[in-house]
mmCIF file of all heavy atoms, coordinates in Angstrom:
data_MODEL
# 
_entry.id   MODEL 
# 
loop_
_atom_site.group_PDB 
_atom_site.id 
_atom_site.type_symbol 
_atom_site.label_atom_id 
_atom_site.label_alt_id 
_atom_site.label_comp_id 
_atom_site.label_asym_id 
_atom_site.label_entity_id 
_atom_site.label_seq_id 
_atom_site.pdbx_PDB_ins_code 
_atom_site.Cartn_x 
_atom_site.Cartn_y 
_atom_site.Cartn_z 
_atom_site.occupancy 
_atom_site.B_iso_or_equiv 
_atom_site.pdbx_formal_charge 
_atom_site.auth_seq_id 
_atom_site.auth_comp_id 
_atom_site.auth_asym_id 
_atom_site.auth_atom_id 
_atom_site.pdbx_PDB_model_num 
ATOM 1   N N   . TRP A 1 1  ? 0.829   -1.198  0.000  1.00 0.00 ? 1  TRP A N   1 
ATOM 2   C CA  . TRP A 1 1  ? 0.000   0.000   0.000  1.00 0.00 ? 1  TRP A CA  1 
ATOM 3   C C   . TRP A 1 1  ? 0.863   1.247   0.000  1.00 0.00 ? 1  TRP A C   1 
ATOM 4   O O   . TRP A 1 1  ? 1.990   1.237   0.413  1.00 0.00 ? 1  TRP A O   1 
ATOM 5   C CB  . TRP A 1 1  ? -0.985  0.018   1.167  1.00 0.00 ? 1  TRP A CB  1 
ATOM 6   C CG  . TRP A 1 1  ? -0.378  0.085   2.537  1.00 0.00 ? 1  TRP A CG  1 
ATOM 7   C CD1 . TRP A 1 1  ? -0.126  1.211   3.276  1.00 0.00 ? 1  TRP A CD1 1 
ATOM 8   C CD2 . TRP A 1 1  ? 0.034   -1.015  3.357  1.00 0.00 ? 1  TRP A CD2 1 
ATOM 9   N NE1 . TRP A 1 1  ? 0.419   0.876   4.489  1.00 0.00 ? 1  TRP A NE1 1 
ATOM 10  C CE2 . TRP A 1 1  ? 0.526   -0.488  4.566  1.00 0.00 ? 1  TRP A CE2 1 
ATOM 11  C CE3 . TRP A 1 1  ? 0.040   -2.398  3.177  1.00 0.00 ? 1  TRP A CE3 1 
ATOM 12  C CZ2 . TRP A 1 1  ? 1.025   -1.297  5.583  1.00 0.00 ? 1  TRP A CZ2 1 
ATOM 13  C CZ3 . TRP A 1 1  ? 0.540   -3.187  4.200  1.00 0.00 ? 1  TRP A CZ3 1 
ATOM 14  C CH2 . TRP A 1 1  ? 1.018   -2.645  5.385  1.00 0.00 ? 1  TRP A CH2 1 
ATOM 15  N N   . GLU A 1 2  ? 0.278   2.301   -0.537 1.00 0.00 ? 2  GLU A N   1 
ATOM 16  C CA  . GLU A 1 2  ? 0.932   3.601   -0.568 1.00 0.00 ? 2  GLU A CA  1 
ATOM 17  C C   . GLU A 1 2  ? 0.250   4.492   0.461  1.00 0.00 ? 2  GLU A C   1 
ATOM 18  O O   . GLU A 1 2  ? -0.932  4.315   0.753  1.00 0.00 ? 2  GLU A O   1 
ATOM 19  C CB  . GLU A 1 2  ? 0.783   4.248   -1.943 1.00 0.00 ? 2  GLU A CB  1 
ATOM 20  C CG  . GLU A 1 2  ? 1.527   3.523   -3.035 1.00 0.00 ? 2  GLU A CG  1 
ATOM 21  C CD  . GLU A 1 2  ? 1.384   4.214   -4.375 1.00 0.00 ? 2  GLU A CD  1 
ATOM 22  O OE1 . GLU A 1 2  ? 1.366   5.465   -4.401 1.00 0.00 ? 2  GLU A OE1 1 
ATOM 23  O OE2 . GLU A 1 2  ? 1.285   3.501   -5.373 1.00 0.00 ? 2  GLU A OE2 1 
ATOM 24  N N   . TYR A 1 3  ? 0.989   5.448   0.974  1.00 0.00 ? 3  TYR A N   1 
ATOM 25  C CA  . TYR A 1 3  ? 0.388   6.402   1.894  1.00 0.00 ? 3  TYR A CA  1 
ATOM 26  C C   . TYR A 1 3  ? 1.044   7.759   1.691  1.00 0.00 ? 3  TYR A C   1 
ATOM 27  O O   . TYR A 1 3  ? 2.202   7.854   1.294  1.00 0.00 ? 3  TYR A O   1 
ATOM 28  C CB  . TYR A 1 3  ? 0.520   5.925   3.343  1.00 0.00 ? 3  TYR A CB  1 
ATOM 29  C CG  . TYR A 1 3  ? 1.929   5.926   3.870  1.00 0.00 ? 3  TYR A CG  1 
ATOM 30  C CD1 . TYR A 1 3  ? 2.393   6.979   4.662  1.00 0.00 ? 3  TYR A CD1 1 
ATOM 31  C CD2 . TYR A 1 3  ? 2.807   4.890   3.577  1.00 0.00 ? 3  TYR A CD2 1 
ATOM 32  C CE1 . TYR A 1 3  ? 3.697   6.987   5.131  1.00 0.00 ? 3  TYR A CE1 1 
ATOM 33  C CE2 . TYR A 1 3  ? 4.103   4.894   4.054  1.00 0.00 ? 3  TYR A CE2 1 
ATOM 34  C CZ  . TYR A 1 3  ? 4.541   5.941   4.831  1.00 0.00 ? 3  TYR A CZ  1 
ATOM 35  O OH  . TYR A 1 3  ? 5.824   5.945   5.289  1.00 0.00 ? 3  TYR A OH  1 
ATOM 36  N N   . ALA A 1 4  ? 0.266   8.795   1.922  1.00 0.00 ? 4  ALA A N   1 
ATOM 37  C CA  . ALA A 1 4  ? 0.775   10.159  1.793  1.00 0.00 ? 4  ALA A CA  1 
ATOM 38  C C   . ALA A 1 4  ? 1.695   10.452  2.977  1.00 0.00 ? 4  ALA A C   1 
ATOM 39  O O   . ALA A 1 4  ? 1.488   9.911   4.070  1.00 0.00 ? 4  ALA A O   1 
ATOM 40  C CB  . ALA A 1 4  ? -0.385  11.138  1.771  1.00 0.00 ? 4  ALA A CB  1 
ATOM 41  N N   . PRO A 1 5  ? 2.711   11.278  2.779  1.00 0.00 ? 5  PRO A N   1 
ATOM 42  C CA  . PRO A 1 5  ? 3.584   11.629  3.902  1.00 0.00 ? 5  PRO A CA  1 
ATOM 43  C C   . PRO A 1 5  ? 2.740   12.129  5.071  1.00 0.00 ? 5  PRO A C   1 
ATOM 44  O O   . PRO A 1 5  ? 1.844   12.948  4.900  1.00 0.00 ? 5  PRO A O   1 
ATOM 45  C CB  . PRO A 1 5  ? 4.464   12.749  3.338  1.00 0.00 ? 5  PRO A CB  1 
ATOM 46  C CG  . PRO A 1 5  ? 4.453   12.535  1.868  1.00 0.00 ? 5  PRO A CG  1 
ATOM 47  C CD  . PRO A 1 5  ? 3.091   11.960  1.552  1.00 0.00 ? 5  PRO A CD  1 
ATOM 48  N N   . SER A 1 6  ? 3.000   11.580  6.213  1.00 0.00 ? 6  SER A N   1 
ATOM 49  C CA  . SER A 1 6  ? 2.219   11.923  7.406  1.00 0.00 ? 6  SER A CA  1 
ATOM 50  C C   . SER A 1 6  ? 3.090   11.729  8.633  1.00 0.00 ? 6  SER A C   1 
ATOM 51  O O   . SER A 1 6  ? 4.287   11.529  8.530  1.00 0.00 ? 6  SER A O   1 
ATOM 52  C CB  . SER A 1 6  ? 0.980   11.031  7.487  1.00 0.00 ? 6  SER A CB  1 
ATOM 53  O OG  . SER A 1 6  ? 1.379   9.689   7.683  1.00 0.00 ? 6  SER A OG  1 
ATOM 54  N N   . LYS A 1 7  ? 2.455   11.753  9.767  1.00 0.00 ? 7  LYS A N   1 
ATOM 55  C CA  . LYS A 1 7  ? 3.183   11.548  11.015 1.00 0.00 ? 7  LYS A CA  1 
ATOM 56  C C   . LYS A 1 7  ? 3.217   10.073  11.412 1.00 0.00 ? 7  LYS A C   1 
ATOM 57  O O   . LYS A 1 7  ? 3.652   9.739   12.496 1.00 0.00 ? 7  LYS A O   1 
ATOM 58  C CB  . LYS A 1 7  ? 2.537   12.376  12.131 1.00 0.00 ? 7  LYS A CB  1 
ATOM 59  C CG  . LYS A 1 7  ? 2.645   13.865  11.887 1.00 0.00 ? 7  LYS A CG  1 
ATOM 60  C CD  . LYS A 1 7  ? 2.031   14.639  13.020 1.00 0.00 ? 7  LYS A CD  1 
ATOM 61  C CE  . LYS A 1 7  ? 2.138   16.134  12.749 1.00 0.00 ? 7  LYS A CE  1 
ATOM 62  N NZ  . LYS A 1 7  ? 1.562   16.917  13.832 1.00 0.00 ? 7  LYS A NZ  1 
ATOM 63  N N   . ALA A 1 8  ? 2.760   9.201   10.547 1.00 0.00 ? 8  ALA A N   1 
ATOM 64  C CA  . ALA A 1 8  ? 2.755   7.767   10.849 1.00 0.00 ? 8  ALA A CA  1 
ATOM 65  C C   . ALA A 1 8  ? 4.183   7.266   10.994 1.00 0.00 ? 8  ALA A C   1 
ATOM 66  O O   . ALA A 1 8  ? 5.022   7.499   10.132 1.00 0.00 ? 8  ALA A O   1 
ATOM 67  C CB  . ALA A 1 8  ? 2.030   6.986   9.767  1.00 0.00 ? 8  ALA A CB  1 
ATOM 68  N N   . THR A 1 9  ? 4.451   6.600   12.097 1.00 0.00 ? 9  THR A N   1 
ATOM 69  C CA  . THR A 1 9  ? 5.772   6.020   12.333 1.00 0.00 ? 9  THR A CA  1 
ATOM 70  C C   . THR A 1 9  ? 5.729   4.501   12.220 1.00 0.00 ? 9  THR A C   1 
ATOM 71  O O   . THR A 1 9  ? 6.771   3.856   12.152 1.00 0.00 ? 9  THR A O   1 
ATOM 72  C CB  . THR A 1 9  ? 6.302   6.397   13.730 1.00 0.00 ? 9  THR A CB  1 
ATOM 73  O OG1 . THR A 1 9  ? 5.360   5.965   14.715 1.00 0.00 ? 9  THR A OG1 1 
ATOM 74  C CG2 . THR A 1 9  ? 6.509   7.903   13.843 1.00 0.00 ? 9  THR A CG2 1 
ATOM 75  N N   . GLN A 1 10 ? 4.517   3.961   12.229 1.00 0.00 ? 10 GLN A N   1 
ATOM 76  C CA  . GLN A 1 10 ? 4.363   2.519   12.085 1.00 0.00 ? 10 GLN A CA  1 
ATOM 77  C C   . GLN A 1 10 ? 2.944   2.210   11.627 1.00 0.00 ? 10 GLN A C   1 
ATOM 78  O O   . GLN A 1 10 ? 2.046   3.035   11.739 1.00 0.00 ? 10 GLN A O   1 
ATOM 79  C CB  . GLN A 1 10 ? 4.677   1.794   13.385 1.00 0.00 ? 10 GLN A CB  1 
ATOM 80  C CG  . GLN A 1 10 ? 3.780   2.168   14.541 1.00 0.00 ? 10 GLN A CG  1 
ATOM 81  C CD  . GLN A 1 10 ? 4.207   1.510   15.848 1.00 0.00 ? 10 GLN A CD  1 
ATOM 82  O OE1 . GLN A 1 10 ? 5.182   0.776   15.899 1.00 0.00 ? 10 GLN A OE1 1 
ATOM 83  N NE2 . GLN A 1 10 ? 3.490   1.762   16.902 1.00 0.00 ? 10 GLN A NE2 1 
ATOM 84  N N   . PHE A 1 11 ? 2.785   1.007   11.110 1.00 0.00 ? 11 PHE A N   1 
ATOM 85  C CA  . PHE A 1 11 ? 1.478   0.497   10.725 1.00 0.00 ? 11 PHE A CA  1 
ATOM 86  C C   . PHE A 1 11 ? 1.265   -0.809  11.469 1.00 0.00 ? 11 PHE A C   1 
ATOM 87  O O   . PHE A 1 11 ? 2.159   -1.650  11.533 1.00 0.00 ? 11 PHE A O   1 
ATOM 88  C CB  . PHE A 1 11 ? 1.406   0.249   9.219  1.00 0.00 ? 11 PHE A CB  1 
ATOM 89  C CG  . PHE A 1 11 ? 1.348   1.491   8.404  1.00 0.00 ? 11 PHE A CG  1 
ATOM 90  C CD1 . PHE A 1 11 ? 2.499   2.111   7.982  1.00 0.00 ? 11 PHE A CD1 1 
ATOM 91  C CD2 . PHE A 1 11 ? 0.125   2.050   8.076  1.00 0.00 ? 11 PHE A CD2 1 
ATOM 92  C CE1 . PHE A 1 11 ? 2.455   3.269   7.221  1.00 0.00 ? 11 PHE A CE1 1 
ATOM 93  C CE2 . PHE A 1 11 ? 0.066   3.214   7.313  1.00 0.00 ? 11 PHE A CE2 1 
ATOM 94  C CZ  . PHE A 1 11 ? 1.231   3.823   6.895  1.00 0.00 ? 11 PHE A CZ  1 
ATOM 95  N N   . ARG A 1 12 ? 0.078   -0.970  12.013 1.00 0.00 ? 12 ARG A N   1 
ATOM 96  C CA  . ARG A 1 12 ? -0.288  -2.246  12.644 1.00 0.00 ? 12 ARG A CA  1 
ATOM 97  C C   . ARG A 1 12 ? -1.146  -3.028  11.659 1.00 0.00 ? 12 ARG A C   1 
ATOM 98  O O   . ARG A 1 12 ? -2.142  -2.518  11.151 1.00 0.00 ? 12 ARG A O   1 
ATOM 99  C CB  . ARG A 1 12 ? -1.046  -2.007  13.933 1.00 0.00 ? 12 ARG A CB  1 
ATOM 100 C CG  . ARG A 1 12 ? -0.166  -1.432  15.016 1.00 0.00 ? 12 ARG A CG  1 
ATOM 101 C CD  . ARG A 1 12 ? -0.881  -1.349  16.319 1.00 0.00 ? 12 ARG A CD  1 
ATOM 102 N NE  . ARG A 1 12 ? 0.018   -0.805  17.327 1.00 0.00 ? 12 ARG A NE  1 
ATOM 103 C CZ  . ARG A 1 12 ? -0.377  -0.363  18.496 1.00 0.00 ? 12 ARG A CZ  1 
ATOM 104 N NH1 . ARG A 1 12 ? -1.653  -0.398  18.822 1.00 0.00 ? 12 ARG A NH1 1 
ATOM 105 N NH2 . ARG A 1 12 ? 0.500   0.121   19.351 1.00 0.00 ? 12 ARG A NH2 1 
ATOM 106 N N   . VAL A 1 13 ? -0.725  -4.259  11.405 1.00 0.00 ? 13 VAL A N   1 
ATOM 107 C CA  . VAL A 1 13 ? -1.463  -5.131  10.503 1.00 0.00 ? 13 VAL A CA  1 
ATOM 108 C C   . VAL A 1 13 ? -2.309  -6.070  11.357 1.00 0.00 ? 13 VAL A C   1 
ATOM 109 O O   . VAL A 1 13 ? -1.805  -6.730  12.266 1.00 0.00 ? 13 VAL A O   1 
ATOM 110 C CB  . VAL A 1 13 ? -0.498  -5.954  9.608  1.00 0.00 ? 13 VAL A CB  1 
ATOM 111 C CG1 . VAL A 1 13 ? -1.280  -6.902  8.711  1.00 0.00 ? 13 VAL A CG1 1 
ATOM 112 C CG2 . VAL A 1 13 ? 0.397   -5.027  8.791  1.00 0.00 ? 13 VAL A CG2 1 
ATOM 113 N N   . TYR A 1 14 ? -3.603  -6.101  11.068 1.00 0.00 ? 14 TYR A N   1 
ATOM 114 C CA  . TYR A 1 14 ? -4.532  -6.988  11.766 1.00 0.00 ? 14 TYR A CA  1 
ATOM 115 C C   . TYR A 1 14 ? -4.924  -8.092  10.794 1.00 0.00 ? 14 TYR A C   1 
ATOM 116 O O   . TYR A 1 14 ? -5.056  -7.855  9.595  1.00 0.00 ? 14 TYR A O   1 
ATOM 117 C CB  . TYR A 1 14 ? -5.778  -6.212  12.206 1.00 0.00 ? 14 TYR A CB  1 
ATOM 118 C CG  . TYR A 1 14 ? -5.506  -5.257  13.331 1.00 0.00 ? 14 TYR A CG  1 
ATOM 119 C CD1 . TYR A 1 14 ? -4.819  -4.063  13.118 1.00 0.00 ? 14 TYR A CD1 1 
ATOM 120 C CD2 . TYR A 1 14 ? -5.917  -5.545  14.622 1.00 0.00 ? 14 TYR A CD2 1 
ATOM 121 C CE1 . TYR A 1 14 ? -4.556  -3.187  14.147 1.00 0.00 ? 14 TYR A CE1 1 
ATOM 122 C CE2 . TYR A 1 14 ? -5.657  -4.664  15.666 1.00 0.00 ? 14 TYR A CE2 1 
ATOM 123 C CZ  . TYR A 1 14 ? -4.981  -3.497  15.424 1.00 0.00 ? 14 TYR A CZ  1 
ATOM 124 O OH  . TYR A 1 14 ? -4.711  -2.624  16.453 1.00 0.00 ? 14 TYR A OH  1 
ATOM 125 N N   . ARG A 1 15 ? -5.101  -9.299  11.330 1.00 0.00 ? 15 ARG A N   1 
ATOM 126 C CA  . ARG A 1 15 ? -5.407  -10.441 10.478 1.00 0.00 ? 15 ARG A CA  1 
ATOM 127 C C   . ARG A 1 15 ? -6.442  -11.331 11.145 1.00 0.00 ? 15 ARG A C   1 
ATOM 128 O O   . ARG A 1 15 ? -6.474  -11.463 12.377 1.00 0.00 ? 15 ARG A O   1 
ATOM 129 C CB  . ARG A 1 15 ? -4.137  -11.256 10.226 1.00 0.00 ? 15 ARG A CB  1 
ATOM 130 C CG  . ARG A 1 15 ? -4.370  -12.438 9.295  1.00 0.00 ? 15 ARG A CG  1 
ATOM 131 C CD  . ARG A 1 15 ? -3.106  -13.225 9.119  1.00 0.00 ? 15 ARG A CD  1 
ATOM 132 N NE  . ARG A 1 15 ? -3.101  -14.331 10.069 1.00 0.00 ? 15 ARG A NE  1 
ATOM 133 C CZ  . ARG A 1 15 ? -2.454  -15.471 9.876  1.00 0.00 ? 15 ARG A CZ  1 
ATOM 134 N NH1 . ARG A 1 15 ? -1.729  -15.657 8.790  1.00 0.00 ? 15 ARG A NH1 1 
ATOM 135 N NH2 . ARG A 1 15 ? -2.505  -16.423 10.765 1.00 0.00 ? 15 ARG A NH2 1 
ATOM 136 N N   . ALA A 1 16 ? -7.267  -11.959 10.312 1.00 0.00 ? 16 ALA A N   1 
ATOM 137 C CA  . ALA A 1 16 ? -8.214  -12.975 10.784 1.00 0.00 ? 16 ALA A CA  1 
ATOM 138 C C   . ALA A 1 16 ? -8.211  -14.102 9.769  1.00 0.00 ? 16 ALA A C   1 
ATOM 139 O O   . ALA A 1 16 ? -8.054  -13.880 8.574  1.00 0.00 ? 16 ALA A O   1 
ATOM 140 C CB  . ALA A 1 16 ? -9.614  -12.393 10.910 1.00 0.00 ? 16 ALA A CB  1 
ATOM 141 N N   . MET A 1 17 ? -8.367  -15.313 10.261 1.00 0.00 ? 17 MET A N   1 
ATOM 142 C CA  . MET A 1 17 ? -8.483  -16.471 9.382  1.00 0.00 ? 17 MET A CA  1 
ATOM 143 C C   . MET A 1 17 ? -9.937  -16.930 9.421  1.00 0.00 ? 17 MET A C   1 
ATOM 144 O O   . MET A 1 17 ? -10.508 -17.107 10.510 1.00 0.00 ? 17 MET A O   1 
ATOM 145 C CB  . MET A 1 17 ? -7.567  -17.605 9.835  1.00 0.00 ? 17 MET A CB  1 
ATOM 146 C CG  . MET A 1 17 ? -7.543  -18.764 8.840  1.00 0.00 ? 17 MET A CG  1 
ATOM 147 S SD  . MET A 1 17 ? -6.300  -20.011 9.233  1.00 0.00 ? 17 MET A SD  1 
ATOM 148 C CE  . MET A 1 17 ? -7.174  -20.940 10.485 1.00 0.00 ? 17 MET A CE  1 
ATOM 149 N N   . GLY A 1 18 ? -10.530 -17.090 8.242  1.00 0.00 ? 18 GLY A N   1 
ATOM 150 C CA  . GLY A 1 18 ? -11.932 -17.522 8.173  1.00 0.00 ? 18 GLY A CA  1 
ATOM 151 C C   . GLY A 1 18 ? -12.849 -16.514 8.840  1.00 0.00 ? 18 GLY A C   1 
ATOM 152 O O   . GLY A 1 18 ? -12.765 -15.318 8.586  1.00 0.00 ? 18 GLY A O   1 
ATOM 153 N N   . ASP A 1 19 ? -13.699 -16.996 9.747  1.00 0.00 ? 19 ASP A N   1 
ATOM 154 C CA  . ASP A 1 19 ? -14.659 -16.130 10.434 1.00 0.00 ? 19 ASP A CA  1 
ATOM 155 C C   . ASP A 1 19 ? -14.147 -15.619 11.774 1.00 0.00 ? 19 ASP A C   1 
ATOM 156 O O   . ASP A 1 19 ? -14.917 -15.053 12.561 1.00 0.00 ? 19 ASP A O   1 
ATOM 157 C CB  . ASP A 1 19 ? -15.982 -16.888 10.657 1.00 0.00 ? 19 ASP A CB  1 
ATOM 158 C CG  . ASP A 1 19 ? -16.715 -17.156 9.356  1.00 0.00 ? 19 ASP A CG  1 
ATOM 159 O OD1 . ASP A 1 19 ? -16.532 -16.370 8.402  1.00 0.00 ? 19 ASP A OD1 1 
ATOM 160 O OD2 . ASP A 1 19 ? -17.451 -18.156 9.288  1.00 0.00 ? 19 ASP A OD2 1 
ATOM 161 N N   . GLU A 1 20 ? -12.874 -15.826 12.049 1.00 0.00 ? 20 GLU A N   1 
ATOM 162 C CA  . GLU A 1 20 ? -12.315 -15.343 13.315 1.00 0.00 ? 20 GLU A CA  1 
ATOM 163 C C   . GLU A 1 20 ? -12.388 -13.823 13.381 1.00 0.00 ? 20 GLU A C   1 
ATOM 164 O O   . GLU A 1 20 ? -12.519 -13.139 12.373 1.00 0.00 ? 20 GLU A O   1 
ATOM 165 C CB  . GLU A 1 20 ? -10.839 -15.758 13.448 1.00 0.00 ? 20 GLU A CB  1 
ATOM 166 C CG  . GLU A 1 20 ? -10.610 -17.223 13.595 1.00 0.00 ? 20 GLU A CG  1 
ATOM 167 C CD  . GLU A 1 20 ? -9.130  -17.561 13.642 1.00 0.00 ? 20 GLU A CD  1 
ATOM 168 O OE1 . GLU A 1 20 ? -8.284  -16.668 13.397 1.00 0.00 ? 20 GLU A OE1 1 
ATOM 169 O OE2 . GLU A 1 20 ? -8.812  -18.722 13.921 1.00 0.00 ? 20 GLU A OE2 1 
ATOM 170 N N   . ARG A 1 21 ? -12.246 -13.305 14.582 1.00 0.00 ? 21 ARG A N   1 
ATOM 171 C CA  . ARG A 1 21 ? -12.196 -11.868 14.796 1.00 0.00 ? 21 ARG A CA  1 
ATOM 172 C C   . ARG A 1 21 ? -10.806 -11.356 14.442 1.00 0.00 ? 21 ARG A C   1 
ATOM 173 O O   . ARG A 1 21 ? -9.808  -12.040 14.675 1.00 0.00 ? 21 ARG A O   1 
ATOM 174 C CB  . ARG A 1 21 ? -12.498 -11.587 16.267 1.00 0.00 ? 21 ARG A CB  1 
ATOM 175 C CG  . ARG A 1 21 ? -12.749 -10.142 16.580 1.00 0.00 ? 21 ARG A CG  1 
ATOM 176 C CD  . ARG A 1 21 ? -13.087 -10.001 18.018 1.00 0.00 ? 21 ARG A CD  1 
ATOM 177 N NE  . ARG A 1 21 ? -11.807 -10.083 18.735 1.00 0.00 ? 21 ARG A NE  1 
ATOM 178 C CZ  . ARG A 1 21 ? -11.632 -9.813  19.996 1.00 0.00 ? 21 ARG A CZ  1 
ATOM 179 N NH1 . ARG A 1 21 ? -12.652 -9.504  20.734 1.00 0.00 ? 21 ARG A NH1 1 
ATOM 180 N NH2 . ARG A 1 21 ? -10.451 -9.880  20.548 1.00 0.00 ? 21 ARG A NH2 1 
ATOM 181 N N   . LEU A 1 22 ? -10.723 -10.165 13.864 1.00 0.00 ? 22 LEU A N   1 
ATOM 182 C CA  . LEU A 1 22 ? -9.424  -9.572  13.544 1.00 0.00 ? 22 LEU A CA  1 
ATOM 183 C C   . LEU A 1 22 ? -8.612  -9.361  14.820 1.00 0.00 ? 22 LEU A C   1 
ATOM 184 O O   . LEU A 1 22 ? -9.151  -8.914  15.835 1.00 0.00 ? 22 LEU A O   1 
ATOM 185 C CB  . LEU A 1 22 ? -9.611  -8.218  12.853 1.00 0.00 ? 22 LEU A CB  1 
ATOM 186 C CG  . LEU A 1 22 ? -9.999  -8.265  11.388 1.00 0.00 ? 22 LEU A CG  1 
ATOM 187 C CD1 . LEU A 1 22 ? -10.509 -6.911  10.942 1.00 0.00 ? 22 LEU A CD1 1 
ATOM 188 C CD2 . LEU A 1 22 ? -8.807  -8.666  10.551 1.00 0.00 ? 22 LEU A CD2 1 
ATOM 189 N N   . ARG A 1 23 ? -7.325  -9.671  14.734 1.00 0.00 ? 23 ARG A N   1 
ATOM 190 C CA  . ARG A 1 23 ? -6.409  -9.475  15.862 1.00 0.00 ? 23 ARG A CA  1 
ATOM 191 C C   . ARG A 1 23 ? -5.139  -8.824  15.363 1.00 0.00 ? 23 ARG A C   1 
ATOM 192 O O   . ARG A 1 23 ? -4.732  -9.044  14.222 1.00 0.00 ? 23 ARG A O   1 
ATOM 193 C CB  . ARG A 1 23 ? -6.055  -10.811 16.507 1.00 0.00 ? 23 ARG A CB  1 
ATOM 194 C CG  . ARG A 1 23 ? -7.241  -11.464 17.138 1.00 0.00 ? 23 ARG A CG  1 
ATOM 195 C CD  . ARG A 1 23 ? -6.852  -12.728 17.809 1.00 0.00 ? 23 ARG A CD  1 
ATOM 196 N NE  . ARG A 1 23 ? -8.070  -13.365 18.304 1.00 0.00 ? 23 ARG A NE  1 
ATOM 197 C CZ  . ARG A 1 23 ? -8.104  -14.483 18.948 1.00 0.00 ? 23 ARG A CZ  1 
ATOM 198 N NH1 . ARG A 1 23 ? -6.999  -15.140 19.169 1.00 0.00 ? 23 ARG A NH1 1 
ATOM 199 N NH2 . ARG A 1 23 ? -9.234  -14.979 19.379 1.00 0.00 ? 23 ARG A NH2 1 
ATOM 200 N N   . MET A 1 24 ? -4.507  -8.036  16.210 1.00 0.00 ? 24 MET A N   1 
ATOM 201 C CA  . MET A 1 24 ? -3.248  -7.411  15.840 1.00 0.00 ? 24 MET A CA  1 
ATOM 202 C C   . MET A 1 24 ? -2.248  -8.510  15.543 1.00 0.00 ? 24 MET A C   1 
ATOM 203 O O   . MET A 1 24 ? -2.075  -9.439  16.320 1.00 0.00 ? 24 MET A O   1 
ATOM 204 C CB  . MET A 1 24 ? -2.734  -6.533  16.976 1.00 0.00 ? 24 MET A CB  1 
ATOM 205 C CG  . MET A 1 24 ? -1.966  -5.310  16.494 1.00 0.00 ? 24 MET A CG  1 
ATOM 206 S SD  . MET A 1 24 ? -0.326  -5.658  15.895 1.00 0.00 ? 24 MET A SD  1 
ATOM 207 C CE  . MET A 1 24 ? 0.545   -5.763  17.421 1.00 0.00 ? 24 MET A CE  1 
ATOM 208 N N   . TYR A 1 25 ? -1.641  -8.455  14.366 1.00 0.00 ? 25 TYR A N   1 
ATOM 209 C CA  . TYR A 1 25 ? -0.789  -9.538  13.883 1.00 0.00 ? 25 TYR A CA  1 
ATOM 210 C C   . TYR A 1 25 ? 0.681   -9.131  13.814 1.00 0.00 ? 25 TYR A C   1 
ATOM 211 O O   . TYR A 1 25 ? 1.553   -9.879  14.228 1.00 0.00 ? 25 TYR A O   1 
ATOM 212 C CB  . TYR A 1 25 ? -1.297  -9.975  12.505 1.00 0.00 ? 25 TYR A CB  1 
ATOM 213 C CG  . TYR A 1 25 ? -0.574  -11.136 11.896 1.00 0.00 ? 25 TYR A CG  1 
ATOM 214 C CD1 . TYR A 1 25 ? -0.548  -12.370 12.534 1.00 0.00 ? 25 TYR A CD1 1 
ATOM 215 C CD2 . TYR A 1 25 ? 0.065   -11.020 10.677 1.00 0.00 ? 25 TYR A CD2 1 
ATOM 216 C CE1 . TYR A 1 25 ? 0.111   -13.450 11.961 1.00 0.00 ? 25 TYR A CE1 1 
ATOM 217 C CE2 . TYR A 1 25 ? 0.716   -12.084 10.098 1.00 0.00 ? 25 TYR A CE2 1 
ATOM 218 C CZ  . TYR A 1 25 ? 0.736   -13.297 10.745 1.00 0.00 ? 25 TYR A CZ  1 
ATOM 219 O OH  . TYR A 1 25 ? 1.383   -14.359 10.174 1.00 0.00 ? 25 TYR A OH  1 
# 
């Protein structure tokens, strides 16, 4: 993914398998 210059210092990726609830991955 692309993002515009901002104050973001990190990205948190959340993942779920199947019908599970998304969790910080």
